[in-house]
Amino acid sequence: MMEKPSRSTFRTRLEEMVASLRHNIVSGKLQPGDYLPSELTLVEQYNLSKNSVRKGLNQLLAQEMIEKVPRIGTRVVGAGLCEKLTLKFGYYPMLTMEVNLLELVDIFKSLNPHIDLHMIPLSSSFFSQNMQEVMERDALDVLTLNLQNYEAFTDRGDVANMLEPLHPREGVYPFLQRPFISDGNLYVQPFTFSPIILCYNRAHFKEANLPEPDSGWNWDDVQRTARVLSQKNERFGLFFHLQSINRWPLFLLQNKVVFERDDRGKLILDNEPFRESMRLSLQLFEGLNPESSYLSEQDSDCEMYFMQQKASMIVTSYYSLNHLRNAGFDYDIAPLPYSEEARTQLVMIGLALNKHSKQKEAAQALIDFLQSDQAQLHIRRHTLALPSVQALSEWKGQAEISRPSKFMMYRDIIPTFRLYSDMNVTFRELETMRRVFKLYWARLDDFETTFRRLKEALQ
């Protein structure tokens, strides 16, 4: 004879059913107005009696999470009397404009009134801390991460001890997930992305009777055109924040630079493509306004000059196009010009869950929402950022804001997307290069002096 299931087994199954239904309601998987599976379905699913199923549903009724609808079924009401909890969400401040993050947060809170979001802006200095200690003291539940900051987790400890493995969201561009996978686990859910692109003022080109940029342009074409467009004391033909980690490495990527390392793991800098790339980064501005290579303090300065029509061309991203929402003139975008090979740097921002969070269910609910069709479509319709979910990024409906005519261009240049990690170099090493080359870009040091200092700095 088969052994009769014990009372504790029934109790475990009942608790599992109640916990699962409660989680689906609290996390938003089951929305107010949705109906629960029938009692018969729950009986079969959890191998419980009808009385046990009804006993479990009565618990949810008492918590005002569901209601009985005569002759129809059991309908979800909401989180009901569930205890209100607080989630600590660390985010990049620029996302409030570039993906309308605060609007998305408001939508999430309306769907999950039992969850209070404590928004914590993240600065670059935040990631200079010991991330293992930060995560262990539960300073954040969910945080936004770009590739550079993700490196703070992978290089300074075991990422599996700091971030929770996440289930890949179906429909996300695969090339966005790969950089965030370690030992077969995904630790950051891609949220939005952008290639680095060229943006230009169409009126300036028309006035000068110049052809607009296309996918065949190289940096010589840009330099030649910028000389024509430049007007002394009036505007720059070309302007971009050369010192940005998402700008100057472009020249290395396009010159197919891949660093080798010595027996100690240190970079070997003596390779001609690297030297040529760094020379090109400055030569691009020869014959133009030389001060433009160091006039900017941050990426957004480029959009400021462009908005004032003080720059005809800028190197920018889809994220930064949001600063041009109210532009009173016609502008468009083009693939990034190239040197040796057509390549552009890929920038992406994802969402991570603290392994030590005490609110993992709610934290996962927030991540799921920000990757949901609703949130991703909101980004696509109301901003110029690119959602990570392919179908929503390529959505062709009516947007709420105007877009440059070549907005969908990014789809054609996906094969040119590259990451700085493709060069076998770390973010910290690139930062060291940037600091050393600042004097070179300001024309205060010659190339060989700068190169010698770089070797010393990286030893």
Protein backbone atom coordinates (compact mmCIF):
# COMPACT_ATOMS: atom_id res chain seq x y z
CA MET A 1 0.00 0.00 0.00
CA MET A 2 1.08 3.54 -0.70
CA GLU A 3 1.93 5.51 2.39
CA LYS A 4 -0.69 8.10 3.22
CA PRO A 5 0.65 11.67 2.95
CA SER A 6 1.32 13.12 6.38
CA ARG A 7 -0.44 16.15 7.80
CA SER A 8 2.82 18.10 7.55
CA THR A 9 2.98 17.36 3.80
CA PHE A 10 -0.49 18.86 3.30
CA ARG A 11 0.52 21.85 5.40
CA THR A 12 3.65 22.39 3.29
CA ARG A 13 1.68 22.25 0.06
CA LEU A 14 -0.92 24.62 1.44
CA GLU A 15 1.76 27.08 2.55
CA GLU A 16 3.39 26.79 -0.86
CA MET A 17 0.11 27.62 -2.61
CA VAL A 18 -0.63 30.62 -0.39
CA ALA A 19 2.95 31.91 -0.66
CA SER A 20 2.96 31.55 -4.44
CA LEU A 21 -0.36 33.35 -4.89
CA ARG A 22 0.65 36.07 -2.45
CA HIS A 23 3.98 36.56 -4.27
CA ASN A 24 2.28 36.79 -7.67
CA ILE A 25 -0.09 39.44 -6.31
CA VAL A 26 2.55 41.43 -4.42
CA SER A 27 5.05 41.30 -7.30
CA GLY A 28 2.44 42.47 -9.79
CA LYS A 29 2.44 39.27 -11.82
CA LEU A 30 -1.25 39.07 -10.94
CA GLN A 31 -2.78 42.52 -11.35
CA PRO A 32 -5.94 43.89 -9.70
CA GLY A 33 -8.87 42.62 -11.75
CA ASP A 34 -7.15 39.40 -12.78
CA TYR A 35 -8.76 36.12 -11.76
CA LEU A 36 -6.99 33.34 -9.88
CA PRO A 37 -6.96 29.82 -11.36
CA SER A 38 -10.11 27.91 -10.47
CA GLU A 39 -10.27 25.97 -7.21
CA LEU A 40 -10.20 22.73 -9.21
CA THR A 41 -7.01 23.84 -10.97
CA LEU A 42 -5.39 24.69 -7.63
CA VAL A 43 -6.46 21.31 -6.23
CA GLU A 44 -4.69 19.54 -9.09
CA GLN A 45 -1.66 21.85 -9.14
CA TYR A 46 -0.85 21.53 -5.43
CA ASN A 47 -2.37 18.09 -4.80
CA LEU A 48 -4.66 19.47 -2.09
CA SER A 49 -8.27 18.86 -1.15
CA LYS A 50 -10.96 21.41 -1.98
CA ASN A 51 -11.26 22.27 1.70
CA SER A 52 -7.52 22.93 1.95
CA VAL A 53 -7.57 25.17 -1.13
CA ARG A 54 -10.51 27.15 0.28
CA LYS A 55 -8.72 27.44 3.62
CA GLY A 56 -5.72 28.96 1.84
CA LEU A 57 -7.86 31.35 -0.20
CA ASN A 58 -9.57 32.47 3.00
CA GLN A 59 -6.17 33.65 4.27
CA LEU A 60 -5.83 35.89 1.22
CA LEU A 61 -9.43 37.04 1.64
CA ALA A 62 -8.69 38.05 5.23
CA GLN A 63 -5.70 40.06 4.00
CA GLU A 64 -7.96 41.82 1.44
CA MET A 65 -5.84 40.63 -1.45
CA ILE A 66 -8.66 38.81 -3.27
CA GLU A 67 -12.45 38.84 -3.43
CA LYS A 68 -15.07 36.25 -4.33
CA VAL A 69 -17.20 36.99 -7.39
CA PRO A 70 -20.36 34.81 -7.27
CA ARG A 71 -20.62 32.30 -10.13
CA ILE A 72 -17.43 33.65 -11.75
CA GLY A 73 -14.41 33.03 -9.54
CA THR A 74 -11.83 34.67 -7.30
CA ARG A 75 -10.61 38.12 -8.36
CA VAL A 76 -7.40 39.89 -7.35
CA VAL A 77 -7.91 43.13 -5.39
CA GLY A 78 -4.29 44.10 -4.70
CA ALA A 79 -1.63 43.94 -2.00
CA GLY A 80 -4.34 44.51 0.59
CA LEU A 81 -3.19 44.46 4.19
CA CYS A 82 0.30 43.23 3.33
CA GLU A 83 2.85 45.14 5.35
CA LYS A 84 4.26 48.15 3.48
CA LEU A 85 7.93 47.74 2.72
CA THR A 86 10.73 50.01 1.52
CA LEU A 87 13.03 49.28 -1.41
CA LYS A 88 16.33 51.13 -1.76
CA PHE A 89 16.89 51.83 -5.46
CA GLY A 90 20.30 53.18 -6.49
CA TYR A 91 20.16 54.90 -9.87
CA TYR A 92 22.21 57.09 -12.20
CA PRO A 93 20.76 60.63 -11.94
CA MET A 94 20.92 61.18 -15.70
CA LEU A 95 18.28 58.45 -16.13
CA THR A 96 15.59 60.78 -14.78
CA MET A 97 15.82 62.67 -18.06
CA GLU A 98 17.18 60.10 -20.46
CA VAL A 99 14.62 57.34 -19.78
CA ASN A 100 12.01 59.28 -17.76
CA LEU A 101 12.88 57.09 -14.77
CA LEU A 102 10.77 58.97 -12.23
CA GLU A 103 7.66 58.50 -14.38
CA LEU A 104 8.38 54.78 -14.54
CA VAL A 105 8.84 54.70 -10.76
CA ASP A 106 5.46 56.41 -10.29
CA ILE A 107 3.79 53.79 -12.48
CA PHE A 108 5.45 51.00 -10.51
CA LYS A 109 4.29 52.50 -7.20
CA SER A 110 0.73 52.81 -8.47
CA LEU A 111 0.79 49.10 -9.36
CA ASN A 112 2.45 48.17 -6.06
CA PRO A 113 1.11 50.55 -3.40
CA HIS A 114 2.61 48.41 -0.63
CA ILE A 115 6.15 49.15 -1.89
CA ASP A 116 7.79 52.45 -1.04
CA LEU A 117 10.81 53.28 -3.20
CA HIS A 118 13.70 55.14 -1.59
CA MET A 119 15.59 56.63 -4.55
CA ILE A 120 19.36 56.93 -4.01
CA PRO A 121 21.39 58.79 -6.69
CA LEU A 122 24.67 57.05 -7.49
CA SER A 123 27.85 59.02 -8.18
CA SER A 124 31.08 57.67 -9.65
CA SER A 125 32.66 57.75 -6.17
CA PHE A 126 30.08 55.23 -4.94
CA PHE A 127 31.76 52.50 -6.98
CA SER A 128 35.22 53.28 -5.59
CA GLN A 129 34.10 51.68 -2.31
CA ASN A 130 34.52 48.03 -1.38
CA MET A 131 31.42 46.70 -3.15
CA GLN A 132 31.40 43.49 -1.12
CA GLU A 133 30.98 45.54 2.07
CA VAL A 134 28.41 47.84 0.45
CA MET A 135 26.26 44.90 -0.61
CA GLU A 136 26.63 43.06 2.69
CA ARG A 137 25.40 46.01 4.71
CA ASP A 138 22.29 46.07 2.51
CA ALA A 139 22.83 49.68 1.39
CA LEU A 140 20.81 49.03 -1.79
CA ASP A 141 18.26 46.48 -2.94
CA VAL A 142 18.33 47.28 -6.66
CA LEU A 143 20.87 49.35 -8.57
CA THR A 144 21.57 50.48 -12.11
CA LEU A 145 24.91 49.36 -13.53
CA ASN A 146 26.84 50.18 -16.66
CA LEU A 147 29.75 48.06 -17.86
CA GLN A 148 32.37 50.22 -16.15
CA ASN A 149 30.68 49.96 -12.76
CA TYR A 150 29.94 46.26 -13.20
CA GLU A 151 33.71 45.88 -13.35
CA ALA A 152 33.83 47.11 -9.73
CA PHE A 153 32.05 43.86 -8.83
CA THR A 154 33.91 41.44 -11.09
CA ASP A 155 37.42 42.77 -10.42
CA ARG A 156 37.26 43.26 -6.67
CA GLY A 157 35.61 40.10 -5.50
CA ASP A 158 33.34 37.23 -6.38
CA VAL A 159 30.32 38.71 -8.16
CA ALA A 160 28.24 35.69 -7.06
CA ASN A 161 28.66 36.82 -3.44
CA MET A 162 27.40 40.32 -4.20
CA LEU A 163 24.73 40.12 -6.90
CA GLU A 164 21.78 37.77 -7.28
CA PRO A 165 21.72 35.60 -10.43
CA LEU A 166 18.82 36.67 -12.65
CA HIS A 167 16.68 34.82 -15.16
CA PRO A 168 17.30 36.25 -18.67
CA ARG A 169 14.34 38.19 -19.99
CA GLU A 170 13.14 36.76 -23.30
CA GLY A 171 13.31 39.14 -26.25
CA VAL A 172 16.30 41.18 -25.07
CA TYR A 173 19.01 41.74 -27.68
CA PRO A 174 21.48 38.89 -26.98
CA PHE A 175 24.52 41.15 -27.40
CA LEU A 176 23.33 43.16 -24.39
CA GLN A 177 23.22 40.14 -22.08
CA ARG A 178 26.59 38.59 -22.90
CA PRO A 179 28.81 41.16 -21.11
CA PHE A 180 26.87 40.66 -17.87
CA ILE A 181 27.20 36.87 -17.76
CA SER A 182 29.74 35.28 -15.42
CA ASP A 183 30.18 31.52 -14.96
CA GLY A 184 26.98 30.94 -16.90
CA ASN A 185 24.84 33.26 -14.74
CA LEU A 186 23.33 36.61 -15.70
CA TYR A 187 23.94 39.19 -12.96
CA VAL A 188 22.65 42.36 -14.64
CA GLN A 189 19.43 42.63 -16.63
CA PRO A 190 19.93 44.94 -19.66
CA PHE A 191 17.65 47.97 -19.39
CA THR A 192 18.64 50.41 -22.15
CA PHE A 193 21.54 50.87 -24.57
CA SER A 194 23.08 53.12 -27.20
CA PRO A 195 25.89 53.14 -29.73
CA ILE A 196 28.04 56.26 -29.98
CA ILE A 197 26.93 58.22 -33.06
CA LEU A 198 27.42 61.46 -34.99
CA CYS A 199 24.78 64.18 -34.70
CA TYR A 200 24.66 67.20 -37.01
CA ASN A 201 22.79 70.44 -37.71
CA ARG A 202 21.12 70.02 -41.10
CA ALA A 203 20.72 73.76 -41.65
CA HIS A 204 24.47 74.35 -41.28
CA PHE A 205 25.17 71.73 -43.95
CA LYS A 206 22.55 73.20 -46.26
CA GLU A 207 23.91 76.74 -45.85
CA ALA A 208 27.41 75.54 -46.74
CA ASN A 209 26.09 73.42 -49.62
CA LEU A 210 27.70 70.32 -48.10
CA PRO A 211 26.48 66.71 -48.37
CA GLU A 212 25.19 65.28 -45.10
CA PRO A 213 27.19 62.53 -43.34
CA ASP A 214 26.58 58.91 -44.30
CA SER A 215 27.87 55.47 -43.32
CA GLY A 216 30.91 55.84 -45.58
CA TRP A 217 32.40 58.82 -43.78
CA ASN A 218 35.83 58.54 -42.21
CA TRP A 219 37.52 61.00 -39.83
CA ASP A 220 39.24 62.77 -42.75
CA ASP A 221 35.77 63.56 -44.15
CA VAL A 222 34.72 64.90 -40.75
CA GLN A 223 37.83 67.05 -40.41
CA ARG A 224 37.52 68.46 -43.93
CA THR A 225 33.82 69.24 -43.46
CA ALA A 226 34.35 70.71 -39.98
CA ARG A 227 36.88 73.17 -41.37
CA VAL A 228 34.25 74.50 -43.78
CA LEU A 229 31.55 74.66 -41.10
CA SER A 230 33.71 76.31 -38.42
CA GLN A 231 33.26 80.05 -37.97
CA LYS A 232 35.83 81.80 -35.82
CA ASN A 233 34.32 83.11 -32.58
CA GLU A 234 30.91 81.88 -33.78
CA ARG A 235 30.73 78.09 -33.86
CA PHE A 236 32.69 74.84 -33.89
CA GLY A 237 32.52 72.63 -36.94
CA LEU A 238 33.05 69.59 -34.70
CA PHE A 239 32.75 69.30 -30.93
CA PHE A 240 32.86 66.38 -28.55
CA HIS A 241 34.01 65.60 -25.04
CA LEU A 242 37.25 63.87 -25.98
CA GLN A 243 38.13 62.91 -22.40
CA SER A 244 34.99 60.82 -21.87
CA ILE A 245 35.48 57.08 -21.31
CA ASN A 246 32.81 56.62 -24.01
CA ARG A 247 34.59 58.84 -26.55
CA TRP A 248 38.37 58.67 -26.86
CA PRO A 249 38.57 54.81 -26.78
CA LEU A 250 36.66 54.92 -30.08
CA PHE A 251 39.94 55.56 -31.88
CA LEU A 252 41.48 52.46 -30.30
CA LEU A 253 38.50 50.28 -31.22
CA GLN A 254 38.48 51.52 -34.81
CA ASN A 255 42.23 50.88 -35.17
CA LYS A 256 41.65 47.30 -33.97
CA VAL A 257 43.81 47.74 -30.88
CA VAL A 258 44.02 44.61 -28.72
CA PHE A 259 46.48 44.78 -25.84
CA GLU A 260 48.76 41.95 -24.84
CA ARG A 261 50.02 41.43 -21.30
CA ASP A 262 53.35 40.46 -19.81
CA ASP A 263 54.02 37.68 -17.28
CA ARG A 264 52.83 39.97 -14.45
CA GLY A 265 49.56 40.73 -16.22
CA LYS A 266 50.62 44.30 -17.04
CA LEU A 267 49.66 45.92 -20.35
CA ILE A 268 52.23 45.88 -23.14
CA LEU A 269 51.88 49.35 -24.66
CA ASP A 270 54.47 49.12 -27.42
CA ASN A 271 52.17 48.43 -30.34
CA GLU A 272 51.82 50.68 -33.35
CA PRO A 273 47.98 50.64 -33.60
CA PHE A 274 47.79 52.09 -30.06
CA ARG A 275 50.31 54.83 -30.85
CA GLU A 276 48.55 55.68 -34.10
CA SER A 277 45.15 55.81 -32.38
CA MET A 278 46.30 58.26 -29.72
CA ARG A 279 47.93 60.50 -32.32
CA LEU A 280 44.73 60.49 -34.35
CA SER A 281 42.69 61.49 -31.29
CA LEU A 282 44.50 64.84 -31.32
CA GLN A 283 45.19 65.23 -35.05
CA LEU A 284 41.44 65.25 -35.65
CA PHE A 285 41.34 68.78 -34.26
CA GLU A 286 44.23 70.14 -36.35
CA GLY A 287 43.11 73.11 -38.40
CA LEU A 288 39.98 73.46 -36.25
CA ASN A 289 39.38 75.33 -33.01
CA PRO A 290 42.16 73.69 -30.97
CA GLU A 291 40.55 74.61 -27.66
CA SER A 292 37.50 72.46 -28.46
CA SER A 293 39.39 69.31 -27.43
CA TYR A 294 39.44 70.41 -23.78
CA LEU A 295 36.68 73.03 -23.45
CA SER A 296 34.11 70.51 -22.20
CA GLU A 297 33.88 69.17 -18.66
CA GLN A 298 31.31 66.46 -19.36
CA ASP A 299 29.43 64.81 -22.21
CA SER A 300 26.37 67.04 -21.81
CA ASP A 301 28.44 70.13 -22.69
CA CYS A 302 28.36 68.95 -26.31
CA GLU A 303 24.57 68.97 -26.39
CA MET A 304 24.57 72.41 -24.75
CA TYR A 305 26.75 73.88 -27.53
CA PHE A 306 24.72 72.03 -30.15
CA MET A 307 21.40 73.32 -28.77
CA GLN A 308 22.77 76.87 -28.99
CA GLN A 309 23.85 76.11 -32.58
CA LYS A 310 27.44 76.79 -31.57
CA ALA A 311 28.51 73.38 -32.91
CA SER A 312 27.62 71.89 -36.29
CA MET A 313 28.57 68.28 -35.48
CA ILE A 314 28.88 66.45 -32.17
CA VAL A 315 29.80 62.91 -31.17
CA THR A 316 27.02 61.75 -28.89
CA SER A 317 24.65 58.89 -27.99
CA TYR A 318 20.93 58.12 -28.16
CA TYR A 319 20.82 58.79 -24.41
CA SER A 320 22.14 62.31 -24.90
CA LEU A 321 19.73 63.06 -27.74
CA ASN A 322 17.18 63.57 -24.97
CA HIS A 323 18.92 66.87 -24.21
CA LEU A 324 17.84 67.97 -27.72
CA ARG A 325 14.11 67.30 -27.25
CA ASN A 326 13.31 71.01 -27.49
CA ALA A 327 15.72 71.85 -30.29
CA GLY A 328 14.24 74.60 -32.43
CA PHE A 329 16.05 73.48 -35.57
CA ASP A 330 16.36 70.43 -37.80
CA TYR A 331 19.04 67.91 -36.88
CA ASP A 332 19.81 64.31 -37.76
CA ILE A 333 22.18 61.49 -36.89
CA ALA A 334 24.63 59.29 -38.78
CA PRO A 335 26.89 56.33 -38.02
CA LEU A 336 30.14 57.25 -36.34
CA PRO A 337 32.91 58.02 -38.87
CA TYR A 338 35.79 55.56 -38.82
CA SER A 339 39.54 55.31 -39.33
CA GLU A 340 40.81 51.77 -39.97
CA GLU A 341 37.47 49.96 -39.63
CA ALA A 342 33.83 50.99 -39.04
CA ARG A 343 33.34 50.34 -35.32
CA THR A 344 31.51 52.18 -32.58
CA GLN A 345 31.42 51.87 -28.82
CA LEU A 346 28.34 50.30 -27.26
CA VAL A 347 27.03 51.85 -24.05
CA MET A 348 24.49 49.98 -21.92
CA ILE A 349 22.80 50.27 -18.56
CA GLY A 350 21.32 47.35 -16.66
CA LEU A 351 19.61 46.46 -13.40
CA ALA A 352 21.12 44.35 -10.62
CA LEU A 353 19.72 42.81 -7.42
CA ASN A 354 21.75 42.81 -4.21
CA LYS A 355 22.47 39.24 -3.10
CA HIS A 356 22.07 40.39 0.52
CA SER A 357 18.79 42.27 0.05
CA LYS A 358 16.13 41.56 2.67
CA GLN A 359 13.42 42.40 0.12
CA LYS A 360 14.34 40.16 -2.79
CA GLU A 361 10.78 39.49 -3.94
CA ALA A 362 9.93 43.18 -4.13
CA ALA A 363 13.33 43.96 -5.67
CA GLN A 364 12.74 41.35 -8.36
CA ALA A 365 9.29 42.84 -8.96
CA LEU A 366 10.88 46.24 -9.65
CA ILE A 367 13.39 44.76 -12.09
CA ASP A 368 10.64 42.75 -13.80
CA PHE A 369 8.55 45.89 -14.18
CA LEU A 370 11.38 47.99 -15.64
CA GLN A 371 11.92 45.22 -18.20
CA SER A 372 8.22 44.74 -18.85
CA ASP A 373 6.55 45.60 -22.15
CA GLN A 374 4.76 48.46 -20.39
CA ALA A 375 7.94 50.13 -19.12
CA GLN A 376 10.03 49.43 -22.22
CA LEU A 377 7.32 50.82 -24.49
CA HIS A 378 7.06 53.90 -22.26
CA ILE A 379 10.78 54.51 -22.80
CA ARG A 380 10.41 54.04 -26.55
CA ARG A 381 7.41 56.36 -26.85
CA HIS A 382 8.46 59.15 -24.49
CA THR A 383 12.26 59.31 -24.82
CA LEU A 384 15.04 58.95 -27.38
CA ALA A 385 16.75 56.15 -25.45
CA LEU A 386 16.75 52.59 -26.81
CA PRO A 387 14.96 49.89 -24.75
CA SER A 388 16.76 46.57 -24.32
CA VAL A 389 13.79 44.49 -25.50
CA GLN A 390 14.15 44.18 -29.26
CA ALA A 391 10.46 44.24 -30.18
CA LEU A 392 9.90 47.42 -28.15
CA SER A 393 13.09 49.10 -29.37
CA GLU A 394 12.01 48.48 -32.97
CA TRP A 395 8.39 49.47 -32.32
CA LYS A 396 7.05 51.58 -35.20
CA GLY A 397 4.03 53.22 -33.58
CA GLN A 398 3.44 56.92 -32.99
CA ALA A 399 5.92 58.35 -30.47
CA GLU A 400 5.10 61.22 -28.13
CA ILE A 401 8.18 63.26 -29.11
CA SER A 402 9.80 64.10 -32.43
CA ARG A 403 12.79 62.08 -33.57
CA PRO A 404 15.55 62.57 -36.12
CA SER A 405 14.63 61.02 -39.46
CA LYS A 406 17.40 58.39 -39.20
CA PHE A 407 16.45 57.34 -35.66
CA MET A 408 16.25 53.64 -36.58
CA MET A 409 19.77 53.75 -38.01
CA TYR A 410 21.15 51.86 -35.01
CA ARG A 411 19.67 48.61 -36.37
CA ASP A 412 21.90 48.82 -39.44
CA ILE A 413 25.11 49.31 -37.47
CA ILE A 414 24.69 46.55 -34.87
CA PRO A 415 27.55 44.56 -36.47
CA THR A 416 29.88 47.49 -35.69
CA PHE A 417 29.10 47.55 -31.94
CA ARG A 418 32.14 46.99 -29.73
CA LEU A 419 32.98 47.11 -26.00
CA TYR A 420 36.15 48.48 -24.43
CA SER A 421 36.69 45.01 -22.97
CA ASP A 422 37.18 43.75 -26.55
CA MET A 423 40.61 45.40 -26.35
CA ASN A 424 41.70 43.24 -23.38
CA VAL A 425 41.83 46.32 -21.16
CA THR A 426 40.03 47.26 -17.95
CA PHE A 427 38.12 50.41 -17.14
CA ARG A 428 40.69 51.34 -14.49
CA GLU A 429 43.51 51.04 -17.03
CA LEU A 430 41.60 53.23 -19.49
CA GLU A 431 41.07 55.78 -16.73
CA THR A 432 44.82 55.86 -16.11
CA MET A 433 45.41 56.42 -19.83
CA ARG A 434 42.89 59.24 -19.87
CA ARG A 435 44.50 61.03 -16.92
CA VAL A 436 47.97 60.78 -18.43
CA PHE A 437 46.88 61.89 -21.92
CA LYS A 438 45.04 65.00 -20.68
CA LEU A 439 48.23 67.07 -20.98
CA TYR A 440 48.80 65.71 -24.48
CA TRP A 441 45.29 66.65 -25.59
CA ALA A 442 45.81 70.11 -24.09
CA ARG A 443 49.05 70.36 -26.16
CA LEU A 444 51.13 70.78 -23.00
CA ASP A 445 53.14 67.58 -23.52
CA ASP A 446 54.46 65.92 -26.67
CA PHE A 447 53.49 62.38 -27.55
CA GLU A 448 56.71 60.61 -26.53
CA THR A 449 56.77 62.31 -23.11
CA THR A 450 53.15 61.34 -22.55
CA PHE A 451 53.80 57.78 -23.68
CA ARG A 452 56.72 57.43 -21.26
CA ARG A 453 54.58 58.71 -18.38
CA LEU A 454 51.86 56.24 -19.27
CA LYS A 455 54.28 53.31 -19.11
CA GLU A 456 55.38 54.44 -15.65
CA ALA A 457 51.79 54.90 -14.45
CA LEU A 458 50.72 51.41 -15.53
CA GLN A 459 53.65 49.53 -13.99
